[in-house]
Amino acid sequence: MASSSSPKEVALLAALSLASLGAGYFLGARSTSVTESIAPTFPEPAALGPSNSSALNTTDPKPEDSQNTADPEPEDEDEDDFEDVADGDLSAISAGFTEPCKLVLVVRTDLGMTSGKIAAQCGHATLACYKALAKKNMKLIQHWERTGQAKIALKAASEDEILELEAIAKSLNLCARSILDAGRTQIAAGSRTVLGIGPAPVSLVNQVTGHLKLL
C-alpha cells in the first residue's frame, strides 16, 4: 500500500497550481489586448440630411448656362385701333345655302410696309370685321365659316382710295373696317393701312372691289 504524501509535497503541488493559473490569466489578458489594438475601426455612417445629401448626388448634370439672347423686334405690337365709322344695316345681308362668301383685305401699297407688317395689319382688319359682324349678323358669319372662310388680299394705291371703298361698302350694308396704325414700329401713327370688307356674298363684295388687283 503506497505511503501518503508528505506536507512538503502537498505545499509544492499547491504552489505549482497557483503559478499555472496566474500565468494562464496573464497570457489570456495580453492576447485580448493585442487583438483589440490591431482590429480595424470603421466610422459610423453619417445620417443623411439637407447638409450632406447633395454631396452624395454626384451623377446629376450641371445646369446649362442660360442664353440671354434678345428677341427680335415684332413687326407689329397688336395695339392698332380701327376706325369705328357708322355702319349700314349689317343684319340685312344674307347668303343662299350654297352661295360663296368672302372677306377682302385691301392693303395700301404706298406705305412701304414689310410683309410682316402687312400680315399683322390684315390680322387686325380680319378680327375687327369678324367681331363687328358677329354682333349683328352671326348667321352670315357662320355661313362664311361653313363655306371655306375665303380671305382675299387686294391692293390700293392711297388712303383716298381706301376711304372711297369704305364708303361704298357701307352704303351697300357691308361690314367694313379700316385700320389706323398705332405708329410704334414702321409707319406714322394714325396711318390708315388696311381696309377689311365682309364677310359677305362674293357677288356683293365684287361690286366694291371687283376692279382691284391681287396683292
C-alpha atoms as a PDB file:
ATOM      1  CA  MET A   1       0.000   0.000   0.000  1.00  0.00           C
ATOM      2  CA  ALA A   2       1.502   3.395  -1.049  1.00  0.00           C
ATOM      3  CA  SER A   3       2.521   5.844   1.654  1.00  0.00           C
ATOM      4  CA  SER A   4       0.614   9.173   1.978  1.00  0.00           C
ATOM      5  CA  SER A   5       2.217  12.419   0.608  1.00  0.00           C
ATOM      6  CA  SER A   6       4.357  14.473   2.929  1.00  0.00           C
ATOM      7  CA  PRO A   7       3.390  18.036   3.859  1.00  0.00           C
ATOM      8  CA  LYS A   8       6.213  19.424   1.719  1.00  0.00           C
ATOM      9  CA  GLU A   9       4.952  17.669  -1.428  1.00  0.00           C
ATOM     10  CA  VAL A  10       1.435  18.991  -0.844  1.00  0.00           C
ATOM     11  CA  ALA A  11       2.701  22.528  -0.446  1.00  0.00           C
ATOM     12  CA  LEU A  12       4.793  22.228  -3.649  1.00  0.00           C
ATOM     13  CA  LEU A  13       1.836  20.995  -5.693  1.00  0.00           C
ATOM     14  CA  ALA A  14      -0.336  23.851  -4.429  1.00  0.00           C
ATOM     15  CA  ALA A  15       2.314  26.415  -5.369  1.00  0.00           C
ATOM     16  CA  LEU A  16       2.676  24.974  -8.883  1.00  0.00           C
ATOM     17  CA  SER A  17      -1.092  25.075  -9.374  1.00  0.00           C
ATOM     18  CA  LEU A  18      -1.311  28.740  -8.340  1.00  0.00           C
ATOM     19  CA  ALA A  19       1.611  29.627 -10.622  1.00  0.00           C
ATOM     20  CA  SER A  20      -0.051  27.899 -13.611  1.00  0.00           C
ATOM     21  CA  LEU A  21      -3.318  29.731 -13.028  1.00  0.00           C
ATOM     22  CA  GLY A  22      -1.562  33.100 -12.801  1.00  0.00           C
ATOM     23  CA  ALA A  23       0.456  32.514 -15.967  1.00  0.00           C
ATOM     24  CA  GLY A  24      -2.665  31.440 -17.881  1.00  0.00           C
ATOM     25  CA  TYR A  25      -4.621  34.528 -16.785  1.00  0.00           C
ATOM     26  CA  PHE A  26      -1.733  36.866 -17.772  1.00  0.00           C
ATOM     27  CA  LEU A  27      -1.315  35.323 -21.230  1.00  0.00           C
ATOM     28  CA  GLY A  28      -5.078  35.428 -21.884  1.00  0.00           C
ATOM     29  CA  ALA A  29      -5.370  39.086 -20.928  1.00  0.00           C
ATOM     30  CA  ARG A  30      -2.389  40.070 -23.116  1.00  0.00           C
ATOM     31  CA  SER A  31      -3.801  38.199 -26.140  1.00  0.00           C
ATOM     32  CA  THR A  32      -7.109  40.078 -25.828  1.00  0.00           C
ATOM     33  CA  SER A  33      -5.343  43.434 -25.566  1.00  0.00           C
ATOM     34  CA  VAL A  34      -3.227  42.790 -28.692  1.00  0.00           C
ATOM     35  CA  THR A  35      -6.281  41.681 -30.711  1.00  0.00           C
ATOM     36  CA  GLU A  36      -8.213  44.816 -29.841  1.00  0.00           C
ATOM     37  CA  SER A  37      -5.249  47.051 -30.711  1.00  0.00           C
ATOM     38  CA  ILE A  38      -4.830  45.667 -34.238  1.00  0.00           C
ATOM     39  CA  ALA A  39      -8.523  45.308 -35.130  1.00  0.00           C
ATOM     40  CA  PRO A  40      -9.634  47.893 -37.810  1.00  0.00           C
ATOM     41  CA  THR A  41     -12.124  50.533 -36.770  1.00  0.00           C
ATOM     42  CA  PHE A  42     -14.838  51.860 -39.063  1.00  0.00           C
ATOM     43  CA  PRO A  43     -16.600  55.216 -38.614  1.00  0.00           C
ATOM     44  CA  GLU A  44     -20.306  55.131 -38.116  1.00  0.00           C
ATOM     45  CA  PRO A  45     -22.272  56.173 -41.226  1.00  0.00           C
ATOM     46  CA  ALA A  46     -23.445  59.766 -41.061  1.00  0.00           C
ATOM     47  CA  ALA A  47     -27.176  60.350 -41.178  1.00  0.00           C
ATOM     48  CA  LEU A  48     -28.411  61.803 -44.442  1.00  0.00           C
ATOM     49  CA  GLY A  49     -29.760  65.302 -44.159  1.00  0.00           C
ATOM     50  CA  PRO A  50     -30.033  68.544 -46.089  1.00  0.00           C
ATOM     51  CA  SER A  51     -26.386  69.390 -45.393  1.00  0.00           C
ATOM     52  CA  ASN A  52     -24.756  66.286 -46.908  1.00  0.00           C
ATOM     53  CA  SER A  53     -27.356  64.777 -49.225  1.00  0.00           C
ATOM     54  CA  SER A  54     -26.172  66.902 -52.168  1.00  0.00           C
ATOM     55  CA  ALA A  55     -22.637  65.604 -51.771  1.00  0.00           C
ATOM     56  CA  LEU A  56     -23.843  62.063 -52.483  1.00  0.00           C
ATOM     57  CA  ASN A  57     -25.633  63.059 -55.639  1.00  0.00           C
ATOM     58  CA  THR A  58     -22.669  63.028 -57.985  1.00  0.00           C
ATOM     59  CA  THR A  59     -24.495  61.889 -61.088  1.00  0.00           C
ATOM     60  CA  ASP A  60     -26.732  64.937 -61.550  1.00  0.00           C
ATOM     61  CA  PRO A  61     -25.643  67.004 -64.566  1.00  0.00           C
ATOM     62  CA  LYS A  62     -24.799  70.635 -64.057  1.00  0.00           C
ATOM     63  CA  PRO A  63     -27.467  73.025 -65.327  1.00  0.00           C
ATOM     64  CA  GLU A  64     -26.617  74.655 -68.611  1.00  0.00           C
ATOM     65  CA  ASP A  65     -25.930  78.336 -68.707  1.00  0.00           C
ATOM     66  CA  SER A  66     -28.988  80.362 -69.649  1.00  0.00           C
ATOM     67  CA  GLN A  67     -28.853  82.040 -73.010  1.00  0.00           C
ATOM     68  CA  ASN A  68     -29.543  85.735 -72.871  1.00  0.00           C
ATOM     69  CA  THR A  69     -30.487  86.209 -76.476  1.00  0.00           C
ATOM     70  CA  ALA A  70     -32.696  89.185 -77.200  1.00  0.00           C
ATOM     71  CA  ASP A  71     -35.944  88.525 -79.038  1.00  0.00           C
ATOM     72  CA  PRO A  72     -36.258  90.230 -82.393  1.00  0.00           C
ATOM     73  CA  GLU A  73     -38.466  93.297 -82.511  1.00  0.00           C
ATOM     74  CA  PRO A  74     -42.002  92.292 -83.509  1.00  0.00           C
ATOM     75  CA  GLU A  75     -43.354  93.557 -86.789  1.00  0.00           C
ATOM     76  CA  ASP A  76     -46.434  94.849 -85.008  1.00  0.00           C
ATOM     77  CA  GLU A  77     -47.421  95.242 -81.374  1.00  0.00           C
ATOM     78  CA  ASP A  78     -51.083  94.375 -81.921  1.00  0.00           C
ATOM     79  CA  GLU A  79     -52.314  97.634 -80.436  1.00  0.00           C
ATOM     80  CA  ASP A  80     -53.790  99.254 -83.526  1.00  0.00           C
ATOM     81  CA  ASP A  81     -57.258 100.780 -83.452  1.00  0.00           C
ATOM     82  CA  PHE A  82     -59.828 100.509 -86.200  1.00  0.00           C
ATOM     83  CA  GLU A  83     -61.950 103.476 -87.081  1.00  0.00           C
ATOM     84  CA  ASP A  84     -65.476 102.944 -85.836  1.00  0.00           C
ATOM     85  CA  VAL A  85     -67.465 104.651 -88.590  1.00  0.00           C
ATOM     86  CA  ALA A  86     -71.245 104.306 -88.657  1.00  0.00           C
ATOM     87  CA  ASP A  87     -72.379 101.152 -90.420  1.00  0.00           C
ATOM     88  CA  GLY A  88     -75.366 100.443 -92.560  1.00  0.00           C
ATOM     89  CA  ASP A  89     -77.797  97.680 -91.647  1.00  0.00           C
ATOM     90  CA  LEU A  90     -75.406  94.765 -91.226  1.00  0.00           C
ATOM     91  CA  SER A  91     -78.254  92.393 -90.442  1.00  0.00           C
ATOM     92  CA  ALA A  92     -79.774  92.990 -93.897  1.00  0.00           C
ATOM     93  CA  ILE A  93     -77.169  90.884 -95.726  1.00  0.00           C
ATOM     94  CA  SER A  94     -77.909  87.196 -96.276  1.00  0.00           C
ATOM     95  CA  ALA A  95     -76.493  84.427 -98.438  1.00  0.00           C
ATOM     96  CA  GLY A  96     -78.069  81.493-100.224  1.00  0.00           C
ATOM     97  CA  PHE A  97     -77.492  77.994 -98.863  1.00  0.00           C
ATOM     98  CA  THR A  98     -74.584  77.278-101.203  1.00  0.00           C
ATOM     99  CA  GLU A  99     -73.686  80.860-102.133  1.00  0.00           C
ATOM    100  CA  PRO A 100     -69.966  81.542-101.600  1.00  0.00           C
ATOM    101  CA  CYS A 101     -68.898  84.350 -99.266  1.00  0.00           C
ATOM    102  CA  LYS A 102     -65.561  86.074 -98.794  1.00  0.00           C
ATOM    103  CA  LEU A 103     -63.692  88.651 -96.781  1.00  0.00           C
ATOM    104  CA  VAL A 104     -61.428  91.037 -98.696  1.00  0.00           C
ATOM    105  CA  LEU A 105     -58.442  92.851 -97.228  1.00  0.00           C
ATOM    106  CA  VAL A 106     -57.424  95.952 -99.168  1.00  0.00           C
ATOM    107  CA  VAL A 107     -53.800  96.861 -98.402  1.00  0.00           C
ATOM    108  CA  ARG A 108     -52.199 100.218 -99.058  1.00  0.00           C
ATOM    109  CA  THR A 109     -49.054  99.766-101.130  1.00  0.00           C
ATOM    110  CA  ASP A 110     -47.806 103.354-100.888  1.00  0.00           C
ATOM    111  CA  LEU A 111     -46.717 102.980 -97.244  1.00  0.00           C
ATOM    112  CA  GLY A 112     -43.880 100.566 -97.975  1.00  0.00           C
ATOM    113  CA  MET A 113     -44.886  98.123 -95.228  1.00  0.00           C
ATOM    114  CA  THR A 114     -42.907  94.905 -94.843  1.00  0.00           C
ATOM    115  CA  SER A 115     -44.612  91.564 -95.370  1.00  0.00           C
ATOM    116  CA  GLY A 116     -44.705  91.019 -91.613  1.00  0.00           C
ATOM    117  CA  LYS A 117     -46.314  94.385 -91.018  1.00  0.00           C
ATOM    118  CA  ILE A 118     -48.897  93.738 -93.733  1.00  0.00           C
ATOM    119  CA  ALA A 119     -49.731  90.350 -92.217  1.00  0.00           C
ATOM    120  CA  ALA A 120     -50.261  91.914 -88.784  1.00  0.00           C
ATOM    121  CA  GLN A 121     -52.467  94.681 -90.156  1.00  0.00           C
ATOM    122  CA  CYS A 122     -54.541  92.188 -92.139  1.00  0.00           C
ATOM    123  CA  GLY A 123     -54.981  90.226 -88.922  1.00  0.00           C
ATOM    124  CA  HIS A 124     -56.330  93.336 -87.204  1.00  0.00           C
ATOM    125  CA  ALA A 125     -58.767  94.020 -90.043  1.00  0.00           C
ATOM    126  CA  THR A 126     -59.990  90.417 -90.125  1.00  0.00           C
ATOM    127  CA  LEU A 127     -60.662  90.402 -86.387  1.00  0.00           C
ATOM    128  CA  ALA A 128     -62.332  93.812 -86.477  1.00  0.00           C
ATOM    129  CA  CYS A 129     -64.748  92.743 -89.228  1.00  0.00           C
ATOM    130  CA  TYR A 130     -65.471  89.422 -87.552  1.00  0.00           C
ATOM    131  CA  LYS A 131     -66.266  90.999 -84.181  1.00  0.00           C
ATOM    132  CA  ALA A 132     -68.432  93.732 -85.681  1.00  0.00           C
ATOM    133  CA  LEU A 133     -70.469  91.396 -87.884  1.00  0.00           C
ATOM    134  CA  ALA A 134     -70.826  88.754 -85.150  1.00  0.00           C
ATOM    135  CA  LYS A 135     -72.803  91.278 -83.087  1.00  0.00           C
ATOM    136  CA  LYS A 136     -75.293  91.992 -85.888  1.00  0.00           C
ATOM    137  CA  ASN A 137     -75.352  89.015 -88.249  1.00  0.00           C
ATOM    138  CA  MET A 138     -73.946  85.841 -86.700  1.00  0.00           C
ATOM    139  CA  LYS A 139     -75.835  83.756 -89.224  1.00  0.00           C
ATOM    140  CA  LEU A 140     -73.764  85.283 -92.051  1.00  0.00           C
ATOM    141  CA  ILE A 141     -70.547  84.651 -90.103  1.00  0.00           C
ATOM    142  CA  GLN A 142     -71.476  81.000 -89.645  1.00  0.00           C
ATOM    143  CA  HIS A 143     -72.304  80.643 -93.335  1.00  0.00           C
ATOM    144  CA  TRP A 144     -68.883  82.076 -94.253  1.00  0.00           C
ATOM    145  CA  GLU A 145     -67.209  79.638 -91.864  1.00  0.00           C
ATOM    146  CA  ARG A 146     -69.063  76.678 -93.357  1.00  0.00           C
ATOM    147  CA  THR A 147     -68.187  77.648 -96.925  1.00  0.00           C
ATOM    148  CA  GLY A 148     -64.405  77.865 -96.530  1.00  0.00           C
ATOM    149  CA  GLN A 149     -63.763  81.256 -94.877  1.00  0.00           C
ATOM    150  CA  ALA A 150     -62.321  82.771 -98.065  1.00  0.00           C
ATOM    151  CA  LYS A 151     -59.994  85.734 -97.500  1.00  0.00           C
ATOM    152  CA  ILE A 152     -58.607  87.742-100.438  1.00  0.00           C
ATOM    153  CA  ALA A 153     -55.804  90.343-100.231  1.00  0.00           C
ATOM    154  CA  LEU A 154     -56.037  93.222-102.706  1.00  0.00           C
ATOM    155  CA  LYS A 155     -54.048  96.392-103.437  1.00  0.00           C
ATOM    156  CA  ALA A 156     -54.944 100.061-103.023  1.00  0.00           C
ATOM    157  CA  ALA A 157     -52.659 102.920-104.012  1.00  0.00           C
ATOM    158  CA  SER A 158     -53.621 105.568-101.435  1.00  0.00           C
ATOM    159  CA  GLU A 159     -55.633 106.497 -98.353  1.00  0.00           C
ATOM    160  CA  ASP A 160     -58.178 108.295-100.512  1.00  0.00           C
ATOM    161  CA  GLU A 161     -58.885 105.059-102.362  1.00  0.00           C
ATOM    162  CA  ILE A 162     -59.323 103.221 -99.045  1.00  0.00           C
ATOM    163  CA  LEU A 163     -61.807 105.848 -97.833  1.00  0.00           C
ATOM    164  CA  GLU A 164     -63.791 105.695-101.060  1.00  0.00           C
ATOM    165  CA  LEU A 165     -64.038 101.904-100.947  1.00  0.00           C
ATOM    166  CA  GLU A 166     -65.149 102.008 -97.307  1.00  0.00           C
ATOM    167  CA  ALA A 167     -67.904 104.474 -98.069  1.00  0.00           C
ATOM    168  CA  ILE A 168     -69.220 102.403-100.969  1.00  0.00           C
ATOM    169  CA  ALA A 169     -69.166  99.202 -98.925  1.00  0.00           C
ATOM    170  CA  LYS A 170     -71.132 100.741 -96.071  1.00  0.00           C
ATOM    171  CA  SER A 171     -73.684 102.168 -98.476  1.00  0.00           C
ATOM    172  CA  LEU A 172     -74.376  98.550 -99.502  1.00  0.00           C
ATOM    173  CA  ASN A 173     -74.794  97.476 -95.857  1.00  0.00           C
ATOM    174  CA  LEU A 174     -71.494  95.595 -95.947  1.00  0.00           C
ATOM    175  CA  CYS A 175     -69.314  95.367 -92.878  1.00  0.00           C
ATOM    176  CA  ALA A 176     -66.193  97.499 -93.481  1.00  0.00           C
ATOM    177  CA  ARG A 177     -63.357  98.315 -91.089  1.00  0.00           C
ATOM    178  CA  SER A 178     -60.215 100.348 -91.840  1.00  0.00           C
ATOM    179  CA  ILE A 179     -57.220 100.022 -89.532  1.00  0.00           C
ATOM    180  CA  LEU A 180     -55.360 103.022 -88.103  1.00  0.00           C
ATOM    181  CA  ASP A 181     -51.793 102.136 -87.138  1.00  0.00           C
ATOM    182  CA  ALA A 182     -50.526 102.927 -83.646  1.00  0.00           C
ATOM    183  CA  GLY A 183     -47.190 104.153 -85.038  1.00  0.00           C
ATOM    184  CA  ARG A 184     -44.924 102.075 -82.803  1.00  0.00           C
ATOM    185  CA  THR A 185     -42.892 100.270 -85.451  1.00  0.00           C
ATOM    186  CA  GLN A 186     -42.571 101.266 -89.098  1.00  0.00           C
ATOM    187  CA  ILE A 187     -45.042 103.965 -90.068  1.00  0.00           C
ATOM    188  CA  ALA A 188     -46.518 107.163 -88.656  1.00  0.00           C
ATOM    189  CA  ALA A 189     -49.237 106.974 -86.029  1.00  0.00           C
ATOM    190  CA  GLY A 190     -52.740 107.258 -87.465  1.00  0.00           C
ATOM    191  CA  SER A 191     -51.804 105.902 -90.891  1.00  0.00           C
ATOM    192  CA  ARG A 192     -54.687 104.008 -92.482  1.00  0.00           C
ATOM    193  CA  THR A 193     -53.157 100.689 -93.508  1.00  0.00           C
ATOM    194  CA  VAL A 194     -55.762  98.042 -94.386  1.00  0.00           C
ATOM    195  CA  LEU A 195     -59.486  98.007 -95.156  1.00  0.00           C
ATOM    196  CA  GLY A 196     -61.453  94.851 -94.394  1.00  0.00           C
ATOM    197  CA  ILE A 197     -64.792  94.293 -96.179  1.00  0.00           C
ATOM    198  CA  GLY A 198     -67.105  91.377 -95.398  1.00  0.00           C
ATOM    199  CA  PRO A 199     -67.586  88.566 -94.947  1.00  0.00           C
ATOM    200  CA  ALA A 200     -70.421  88.755 -97.437  1.00  0.00           C
ATOM    201  CA  PRO A 201     -71.609  87.114-100.674  1.00  0.00           C
ATOM    202  CA  VAL A 202     -68.934  87.239-103.358  1.00  0.00           C
ATOM    203  CA  SER A 203     -71.196  88.936-105.880  1.00  0.00           C
ATOM    204  CA  LEU A 204     -71.972  91.778-103.469  1.00  0.00           C
ATOM    205  CA  VAL A 205     -68.358  92.335-102.378  1.00  0.00           C
ATOM    206  CA  ASN A 206     -67.244  92.408-106.013  1.00  0.00           C
ATOM    207  CA  GLN A 207     -69.412  95.455-106.575  1.00  0.00           C
ATOM    208  CA  VAL A 208     -66.939  97.311-104.347  1.00  0.00           C
ATOM    209  CA  THR A 209     -63.579  95.665-105.002  1.00  0.00           C
ATOM    210  CA  GLY A 210     -64.008  93.755-108.248  1.00  0.00           C
ATOM    211  CA  HIS A 211     -61.690  96.148-110.132  1.00  0.00           C
ATOM    212  CA  LEU A 212     -58.748  95.834-107.693  1.00  0.00           C
ATOM    213  CA  LYS A 213     -55.674  93.684-108.314  1.00  0.00           C
ATOM    214  CA  LEU A 214     -54.442  90.929-106.051  1.00  0.00           C
ATOM    215  CA  LEU A 215     -51.703  91.841-103.599  1.00  0.00           C
END
